[in-house]
Amino acid sequence: HDVAMQDEFNLKVNCVLLRGVNDDEVGAFVDLTEHLPIEVRFLEFMPFVKNGWSANKLVSQADIVERIQHHAGSRGTKADRLPPDSPNDVARLWRVPGWRGRLGVIASMTDAFCGGCNRLRLTTEGELRNCLFGEEG
Protein backbone atom coordinates (compact mmCIF):
# COMPACT_ATOMS: atom_id res chain seq x y z
CA HIS A 1 0.00 0.00 0.00
CA ASP A 2 2.63 2.57 1.04
CA VAL A 3 4.92 1.75 -1.88
CA ALA A 4 2.06 2.12 -4.37
CA MET A 5 1.23 5.54 -2.91
CA GLN A 6 4.71 6.94 -3.58
CA ASP A 7 4.84 9.70 -6.17
CA GLU A 8 6.70 7.65 -8.79
CA PHE A 9 3.66 5.41 -9.28
CA ASN A 10 0.54 6.47 -11.16
CA LEU A 11 -2.08 4.33 -9.42
CA LYS A 12 -5.49 3.96 -11.07
CA VAL A 13 -8.48 2.14 -9.61
CA ASN A 14 -11.01 1.00 -12.21
CA CYS A 15 -14.59 0.44 -11.09
CA VAL A 16 -17.18 -0.97 -13.48
CA LEU A 17 -20.53 0.34 -12.27
CA LEU A 18 -23.58 -1.92 -12.47
CA ARG A 19 -27.02 -0.48 -11.78
CA GLY A 20 -28.52 -2.17 -8.73
CA VAL A 21 -25.26 -3.90 -7.82
CA ASN A 22 -22.60 -1.35 -6.88
CA ASP A 23 -23.84 1.99 -8.21
CA ASP A 24 -24.61 3.06 -4.64
CA GLU A 25 -20.86 3.00 -3.87
CA VAL A 26 -19.85 5.95 -6.08
CA GLY A 27 -19.49 8.26 -3.06
CA ALA A 28 -17.14 5.87 -1.26
CA PHE A 29 -14.91 5.70 -4.33
CA VAL A 30 -15.00 9.50 -4.74
CA ASP A 31 -13.90 9.86 -1.11
CA LEU A 32 -10.76 7.79 -1.82
CA THR A 33 -9.40 10.71 -3.85
CA GLU A 34 -9.53 13.16 -0.95
CA HIS A 35 -6.37 11.93 0.78
CA LEU A 36 -4.84 9.48 -1.71
CA PRO A 37 -2.96 10.51 -4.88
CA ILE A 38 -4.86 8.01 -7.03
CA GLU A 39 -7.15 8.16 -10.03
CA VAL A 40 -10.49 6.44 -9.51
CA ARG A 41 -12.01 5.65 -12.90
CA PHE A 42 -15.64 4.67 -13.31
CA LEU A 43 -16.26 2.51 -16.37
CA GLU A 44 -19.52 1.97 -18.17
CA PHE A 45 -20.53 -1.69 -18.29
CA MET A 46 -19.61 -3.15 -21.70
CA PRO A 47 -21.02 -6.25 -23.41
CA PHE A 48 -18.62 -9.18 -23.48
CA VAL A 49 -19.26 -12.85 -24.09
CA LYS A 50 -20.86 -14.43 -21.02
CA ASN A 51 -20.79 -11.32 -18.81
CA GLY A 52 -24.57 -11.02 -18.52
CA TRP A 53 -24.62 -7.57 -20.13
CA SER A 54 -27.93 -5.78 -20.13
CA ALA A 55 -28.75 -2.18 -20.98
CA ASN A 56 -30.70 -2.09 -17.71
CA LYS A 57 -27.42 -2.55 -15.80
CA LEU A 58 -25.64 0.29 -17.64
CA VAL A 59 -24.86 3.40 -15.58
CA SER A 60 -24.19 6.10 -18.20
CA GLN A 61 -21.46 8.72 -18.12
CA ALA A 62 -24.07 11.43 -17.48
CA ASP A 63 -25.45 9.48 -14.53
CA ILE A 64 -21.96 8.81 -13.15
CA VAL A 65 -21.00 12.50 -13.35
CA GLU A 66 -24.30 13.44 -11.70
CA ARG A 67 -23.56 11.02 -8.85
CA ILE A 68 -20.01 12.37 -8.48
CA GLN A 69 -21.28 15.95 -8.31
CA HIS A 70 -24.11 15.03 -5.93
CA HIS A 71 -21.66 13.37 -3.56
CA ALA A 72 -19.17 16.23 -3.80
CA GLY A 73 -22.06 18.65 -3.13
CA SER A 74 -22.98 16.69 -0.01
CA ARG A 75 -19.40 17.35 1.13
CA GLY A 76 -19.75 21.09 0.41
CA THR A 77 -17.69 21.09 -2.77
CA LYS A 78 -17.80 20.13 -6.45
CA ALA A 79 -15.65 18.31 -8.96
CA ASP A 80 -14.04 20.43 -11.69
CA ARG A 81 -13.56 19.07 -15.21
CA LEU A 82 -9.90 18.67 -16.21
CA PRO A 83 -8.36 18.66 -19.68
CA PRO A 84 -7.28 15.25 -21.01
CA ASP A 85 -3.76 14.08 -20.25
CA SER A 86 -3.22 13.35 -23.95
CA PRO A 87 -5.21 13.66 -27.19
CA ASN A 88 -5.93 9.90 -27.12
CA ASP A 89 -6.94 9.71 -23.46
CA VAL A 90 -10.03 7.53 -22.99
CA ALA A 91 -11.05 8.91 -19.58
CA ARG A 92 -12.87 12.18 -19.01
CA LEU A 93 -11.27 13.62 -15.87
CA TRP A 94 -12.41 15.59 -12.82
CA ARG A 95 -10.80 16.75 -9.58
CA VAL A 96 -12.28 18.09 -6.38
CA PRO A 97 -10.29 21.26 -5.55
CA GLY A 98 -7.81 20.61 -2.75
CA TRP A 99 -8.10 16.84 -2.97
CA ARG A 100 -5.04 14.74 -3.87
CA GLY A 101 -6.55 12.35 -6.40
CA ARG A 102 -8.59 12.57 -9.58
CA LEU A 103 -11.75 11.02 -10.90
CA GLY A 104 -12.27 9.65 -14.38
CA VAL A 105 -15.15 8.29 -16.42
CA ILE A 106 -14.59 5.90 -19.30
CA ALA A 107 -17.76 6.06 -21.38
CA SER A 108 -17.23 3.33 -23.95
CA MET A 109 -20.97 2.89 -24.48
CA THR A 110 -22.51 6.40 -24.38
CA ASP A 111 -19.56 8.49 -25.62
CA ALA A 112 -17.37 6.12 -27.63
CA PHE A 113 -13.75 7.12 -28.18
CA CYS A 114 -12.99 4.64 -30.98
CA GLY A 115 -11.67 7.27 -33.40
CA GLY A 116 -8.86 8.30 -31.06
CA CYS A 117 -8.10 4.92 -29.51
CA ASN A 118 -4.48 3.80 -29.84
CA ARG A 119 -4.39 0.96 -27.33
CA LEU A 120 -3.86 -2.76 -27.28
CA ARG A 121 -5.56 -4.84 -24.61
CA LEU A 122 -4.72 -8.21 -23.15
CA THR A 123 -7.84 -10.18 -22.23
CA THR A 124 -8.13 -12.49 -19.23
CA GLU A 125 -7.95 -15.36 -21.74
CA GLY A 126 -4.53 -14.17 -22.93
CA GLU A 127 -5.71 -12.74 -26.27
CA LEU A 128 -4.27 -9.49 -27.55
CA ARG A 129 -6.94 -7.18 -28.98
CA ASN A 130 -6.90 -3.80 -30.62
CA CYS A 131 -10.58 -3.35 -29.70
CA LEU A 132 -12.51 -4.66 -26.73
CA PHE A 133 -15.65 -4.75 -28.88
CA GLY A 134 -13.99 -7.11 -31.37
CA GLU A 135 -15.01 -10.77 -31.55
CA GLU A 136 -11.52 -12.22 -31.99
CA GLY A 137 -8.03 -11.64 -30.61
C-alpha atoms as a PDB file:
ATOM      1  CA  HIS A   1       0.000   0.000   0.000  1.00  0.00           C
ATOM      2  CA  ASP A   2       2.627   2.574   1.036  1.00  0.00           C
ATOM      3  CA  VAL A   3       4.923   1.748  -1.881  1.00  0.00           C
ATOM      4  CA  ALA A   4       2.057   2.121  -4.370  1.00  0.00           C
ATOM      5  CA  MET A   5       1.228   5.540  -2.913  1.00  0.00           C
ATOM      6  CA  GLN A   6       4.707   6.937  -3.584  1.00  0.00           C
ATOM      7  CA  ASP A   7       4.843   9.699  -6.173  1.00  0.00           C
ATOM      8  CA  GLU A   8       6.700   7.648  -8.794  1.00  0.00           C
ATOM      9  CA  PHE A   9       3.664   5.406  -9.276  1.00  0.00           C
ATOM     10  CA  ASN A  10       0.545   6.470 -11.156  1.00  0.00           C
ATOM     11  CA  LEU A  11      -2.079   4.333  -9.422  1.00  0.00           C
ATOM     12  CA  LYS A  12      -5.488   3.960 -11.075  1.00  0.00           C
ATOM     13  CA  VAL A  13      -8.478   2.143  -9.606  1.00  0.00           C
ATOM     14  CA  ASN A  14     -11.006   0.999 -12.209  1.00  0.00           C
ATOM     15  CA  CYS A  15     -14.585   0.439 -11.086  1.00  0.00           C
ATOM     16  CA  VAL A  16     -17.181  -0.966 -13.484  1.00  0.00           C
ATOM     17  CA  LEU A  17     -20.529   0.336 -12.267  1.00  0.00           C
ATOM     18  CA  LEU A  18     -23.584  -1.923 -12.468  1.00  0.00           C
ATOM     19  CA  ARG A  19     -27.017  -0.485 -11.777  1.00  0.00           C
ATOM     20  CA  GLY A  20     -28.523  -2.173  -8.733  1.00  0.00           C
ATOM     21  CA  VAL A  21     -25.265  -3.904  -7.822  1.00  0.00           C
ATOM     22  CA  ASN A  22     -22.598  -1.354  -6.879  1.00  0.00           C
ATOM     23  CA  ASP A  23     -23.843   1.987  -8.205  1.00  0.00           C
ATOM     24  CA  ASP A  24     -24.609   3.060  -4.641  1.00  0.00           C
ATOM     25  CA  GLU A  25     -20.859   2.996  -3.868  1.00  0.00           C
ATOM     26  CA  VAL A  26     -19.847   5.953  -6.076  1.00  0.00           C
ATOM     27  CA  GLY A  27     -19.491   8.261  -3.062  1.00  0.00           C
ATOM     28  CA  ALA A  28     -17.138   5.874  -1.259  1.00  0.00           C
ATOM     29  CA  PHE A  29     -14.906   5.701  -4.333  1.00  0.00           C
ATOM     30  CA  VAL A  30     -14.999   9.499  -4.744  1.00  0.00           C
ATOM     31  CA  ASP A  31     -13.896   9.859  -1.113  1.00  0.00           C
ATOM     32  CA  LEU A  32     -10.759   7.792  -1.823  1.00  0.00           C
ATOM     33  CA  THR A  33      -9.398  10.710  -3.850  1.00  0.00           C
ATOM     34  CA  GLU A  34      -9.528  13.160  -0.948  1.00  0.00           C
ATOM     35  CA  HIS A  35      -6.367  11.925   0.779  1.00  0.00           C
ATOM     36  CA  LEU A  36      -4.839   9.475  -1.711  1.00  0.00           C
ATOM     37  CA  PRO A  37      -2.960  10.507  -4.883  1.00  0.00           C
ATOM     38  CA  ILE A  38      -4.862   8.015  -7.032  1.00  0.00           C
ATOM     39  CA  GLU A  39      -7.154   8.160 -10.029  1.00  0.00           C
ATOM     40  CA  VAL A  40     -10.494   6.436  -9.514  1.00  0.00           C
ATOM     41  CA  ARG A  41     -12.005   5.646 -12.903  1.00  0.00           C
ATOM     42  CA  PHE A  42     -15.635   4.674 -13.309  1.00  0.00           C
ATOM     43  CA  LEU A  43     -16.263   2.509 -16.371  1.00  0.00           C
ATOM     44  CA  GLU A  44     -19.515   1.971 -18.168  1.00  0.00           C
ATOM     45  CA  PHE A  45     -20.529  -1.690 -18.289  1.00  0.00           C
ATOM     46  CA  MET A  46     -19.609  -3.153 -21.701  1.00  0.00           C
ATOM     47  CA  PRO A  47     -21.023  -6.246 -23.409  1.00  0.00           C
ATOM     48  CA  PHE A  48     -18.618  -9.184 -23.484  1.00  0.00           C
ATOM     49  CA  VAL A  49     -19.255 -12.846 -24.088  1.00  0.00           C
ATOM     50  CA  LYS A  50     -20.856 -14.435 -21.018  1.00  0.00           C
ATOM     51  CA  ASN A  51     -20.789 -11.318 -18.806  1.00  0.00           C
ATOM     52  CA  GLY A  52     -24.569 -11.016 -18.525  1.00  0.00           C
ATOM     53  CA  TRP A  53     -24.618  -7.573 -20.133  1.00  0.00           C
ATOM     54  CA  SER A  54     -27.933  -5.783 -20.129  1.00  0.00           C
ATOM     55  CA  ALA A  55     -28.754  -2.177 -20.979  1.00  0.00           C
ATOM     56  CA  ASN A  56     -30.700  -2.088 -17.705  1.00  0.00           C
ATOM     57  CA  LYS A  57     -27.420  -2.547 -15.798  1.00  0.00           C
ATOM     58  CA  LEU A  58     -25.643   0.293 -17.636  1.00  0.00           C
ATOM     59  CA  VAL A  59     -24.859   3.403 -15.582  1.00  0.00           C
ATOM     60  CA  SER A  60     -24.188   6.104 -18.196  1.00  0.00           C
ATOM     61  CA  GLN A  61     -21.459   8.716 -18.123  1.00  0.00           C
ATOM     62  CA  ALA A  62     -24.074  11.429 -17.484  1.00  0.00           C
ATOM     63  CA  ASP A  63     -25.454   9.480 -14.525  1.00  0.00           C
ATOM     64  CA  ILE A  64     -21.956   8.814 -13.154  1.00  0.00           C
ATOM     65  CA  VAL A  65     -20.999  12.497 -13.346  1.00  0.00           C
ATOM     66  CA  GLU A  66     -24.299  13.444 -11.698  1.00  0.00           C
ATOM     67  CA  ARG A  67     -23.556  11.021  -8.845  1.00  0.00           C
ATOM     68  CA  ILE A  68     -20.009  12.372  -8.481  1.00  0.00           C
ATOM     69  CA  GLN A  69     -21.284  15.946  -8.312  1.00  0.00           C
ATOM     70  CA  HIS A  70     -24.113  15.035  -5.932  1.00  0.00           C
ATOM     71  CA  HIS A  71     -21.661  13.370  -3.558  1.00  0.00           C
ATOM     72  CA  ALA A  72     -19.173  16.235  -3.801  1.00  0.00           C
ATOM     73  CA  GLY A  73     -22.055  18.645  -3.128  1.00  0.00           C
ATOM     74  CA  SER A  74     -22.981  16.689  -0.009  1.00  0.00           C
ATOM     75  CA  ARG A  75     -19.404  17.352   1.134  1.00  0.00           C
ATOM     76  CA  GLY A  76     -19.755  21.088   0.415  1.00  0.00           C
ATOM     77  CA  THR A  77     -17.689  21.094  -2.767  1.00  0.00           C
ATOM     78  CA  LYS A  78     -17.805  20.128  -6.449  1.00  0.00           C
ATOM     79  CA  ALA A  79     -15.648  18.310  -8.964  1.00  0.00           C
ATOM     80  CA  ASP A  80     -14.043  20.428 -11.689  1.00  0.00           C
ATOM     81  CA  ARG A  81     -13.558  19.071 -15.214  1.00  0.00           C
ATOM     82  CA  LEU A  82      -9.904  18.667 -16.212  1.00  0.00           C
ATOM     83  CA  PRO A  83      -8.360  18.656 -19.683  1.00  0.00           C
ATOM     84  CA  PRO A  84      -7.283  15.252 -21.014  1.00  0.00           C
ATOM     85  CA  ASP A  85      -3.759  14.079 -20.248  1.00  0.00           C
ATOM     86  CA  SER A  86      -3.224  13.347 -23.952  1.00  0.00           C
ATOM     87  CA  PRO A  87      -5.210  13.657 -27.191  1.00  0.00           C
ATOM     88  CA  ASN A  88      -5.934   9.902 -27.124  1.00  0.00           C
ATOM     89  CA  ASP A  89      -6.944   9.710 -23.458  1.00  0.00           C
ATOM     90  CA  VAL A  90     -10.034   7.527 -22.993  1.00  0.00           C
ATOM     91  CA  ALA A  91     -11.046   8.909 -19.579  1.00  0.00           C
ATOM     92  CA  ARG A  92     -12.875  12.180 -19.010  1.00  0.00           C
ATOM     93  CA  LEU A  93     -11.268  13.617 -15.872  1.00  0.00           C
ATOM     94  CA  TRP A  94     -12.410  15.587 -12.816  1.00  0.00           C
ATOM     95  CA  ARG A  95     -10.801  16.750  -9.577  1.00  0.00           C
ATOM     96  CA  VAL A  96     -12.284  18.089  -6.380  1.00  0.00           C
ATOM     97  CA  PRO A  97     -10.288  21.259  -5.551  1.00  0.00           C
ATOM     98  CA  GLY A  98      -7.810  20.613  -2.753  1.00  0.00           C
ATOM     99  CA  TRP A  99      -8.097  16.835  -2.972  1.00  0.00           C
ATOM    100  CA  ARG A 100      -5.039  14.736  -3.867  1.00  0.00           C
ATOM    101  CA  GLY A 101      -6.552  12.353  -6.400  1.00  0.00           C
ATOM    102  CA  ARG A 102      -8.586  12.574  -9.582  1.00  0.00           C
ATOM    103  CA  LEU A 103     -11.752  11.019 -10.903  1.00  0.00           C
ATOM    104  CA  GLY A 104     -12.273   9.647 -14.382  1.00  0.00           C
ATOM    105  CA  VAL A 105     -15.153   8.289 -16.421  1.00  0.00           C
ATOM    106  CA  ILE A 106     -14.589   5.897 -19.302  1.00  0.00           C
ATOM    107  CA  ALA A 107     -17.762   6.063 -21.382  1.00  0.00           C
ATOM    108  CA  SER A 108     -17.228   3.331 -23.946  1.00  0.00           C
ATOM    109  CA  MET A 109     -20.971   2.888 -24.480  1.00  0.00           C
ATOM    110  CA  THR A 110     -22.506   6.398 -24.378  1.00  0.00           C
ATOM    111  CA  ASP A 111     -19.562   8.487 -25.617  1.00  0.00           C
ATOM    112  CA  ALA A 112     -17.368   6.119 -27.625  1.00  0.00           C
ATOM    113  CA  PHE A 113     -13.752   7.115 -28.181  1.00  0.00           C
ATOM    114  CA  CYS A 114     -12.993   4.636 -30.977  1.00  0.00           C
ATOM    115  CA  GLY A 115     -11.673   7.270 -33.401  1.00  0.00           C
ATOM    116  CA  GLY A 116      -8.863   8.297 -31.064  1.00  0.00           C
ATOM    117  CA  CYS A 117      -8.098   4.922 -29.513  1.00  0.00           C
ATOM    118  CA  ASN A 118      -4.481   3.799 -29.836  1.00  0.00           C
ATOM    119  CA  ARG A 119      -4.390   0.960 -27.325  1.00  0.00           C
ATOM    120  CA  LEU A 120      -3.857  -2.761 -27.277  1.00  0.00           C
ATOM    121  CA  ARG A 121      -5.560  -4.838 -24.614  1.00  0.00           C
ATOM    122  CA  LEU A 122      -4.724  -8.212 -23.149  1.00  0.00           C
ATOM    123  CA  THR A 123      -7.843 -10.179 -22.227  1.00  0.00           C
ATOM    124  CA  THR A 124      -8.133 -12.485 -19.235  1.00  0.00           C
ATOM    125  CA  GLU A 125      -7.952 -15.357 -21.737  1.00  0.00           C
ATOM    126  CA  GLY A 126      -4.531 -14.173 -22.935  1.00  0.00           C
ATOM    127  CA  GLU A 127      -5.707 -12.744 -26.269  1.00  0.00           C
ATOM    128  CA  LEU A 128      -4.270  -9.485 -27.552  1.00  0.00           C
ATOM    129  CA  ARG A 129      -6.943  -7.182 -28.975  1.00  0.00           C
ATOM    130  CA  ASN A 130      -6.897  -3.796 -30.615  1.00  0.00           C
ATOM    131  CA  CYS A 131     -10.579  -3.352 -29.704  1.00  0.00           C
ATOM    132  CA  LEU A 132     -12.512  -4.660 -26.732  1.00  0.00           C
ATOM    133  CA  PHE A 133     -15.646  -4.748 -28.878  1.00  0.00           C
ATOM    134  CA  GLY A 134     -13.990  -7.114 -31.372  1.00  0.00           C
ATOM    135  CA  GLU A 135     -15.008 -10.775 -31.554  1.00  0.00           C
ATOM    136  CA  GLU A 136     -11.517 -12.222 -31.994  1.00  0.00           C
ATOM    137  CA  GLY A 137      -8.035 -11.635 -30.615  1.00  0.00           C
END
